[in-house]
Amino acid sequence: MRLLITRPEPDALKLQAVLEDMGHEATVEPLLNVSFEDVSRIDLDGVQALVATSRNGVRALRSTPLLPRARTLPLFTVGKATAAEARALGFEMVVTGAGTARELVTHIVSVVDPAAGLIGHLAGDTLAVNLRQELEPHGFRVLEWVVYRVGPATSFAPEVVEQLAMGEIEGVILLSPRTAGVYAKLVRAHALQANVRPLPHFCLSPAVARRLESLGQLAVVTAQEPKLEEVLALIDETAAKSGD
């Protein structure tokens, strides 16, 4: 099965390797581009713990003077992938959440003392959940640092347009609402609605799937839990049914 991978680099190439190990083929077309901010302005004095809701929040600290101090603090992460990234960078105490920012908020409230110090959020420029608004009613003081920014692609690469138009793509992987929104916009811009309509669109969550509604009736396959492993299992199941 040939799949279109839409997630940003470097994760897109990692996912391509996983899919190829599973016996699939993949075309990589990142629809979001990540750039990192200068973190030298961040002051960790008085901070008792950090929060990262994305791997890019942790990656922003790589090869910076801030990293040695940061990795001595407890780090709360939304999911296993972000936690693995943090451990690879040497973070000493990583607490892994259940997979969503709101579930992580609940966990922080249950185990962290607001009086012990500030919470620092290693954030992107666009927030799915505002941790400051969620935590401050519980007595926490939250510093929100924008350490990376994400910009949308403005068009599909010509080879991707050709593959979609010729029916060479057999499925599309969408792992964030923002990516799905960019994908829908570009499908309309390239007038590919009829071409993508029969394709299974593998979505990480219902929130991702909702961003495809502007394309009309699509074949949407949504993971029951927002985990990449579930999306991969759905891809294998769909491929088996189609005989690929």
Foldseek 3Di string as FASTA:
>chain_A
DEEEEAAEPPVQVVVQVVVVVVVYHYDYWHFKYKDWDDCPPDDCVFAQEEEEADLVLQVLCPPHPCLVVRLAHEYEYAADVSQVSSVVSPRDHYHYFPHDPVRSLVVCLVPPDQVSGAYEYSDAPDDPDDSCVSNVVSPHHYHYDHGMYMDGDPETDPVVLVCLVVVVHQEYEDQDLVSLLSVLVRCVVSVSLVSQQAHEYEYLAVSNVVSNPVSPHHNYDYFPHNDVVSSVVVVVVVCVVVVD
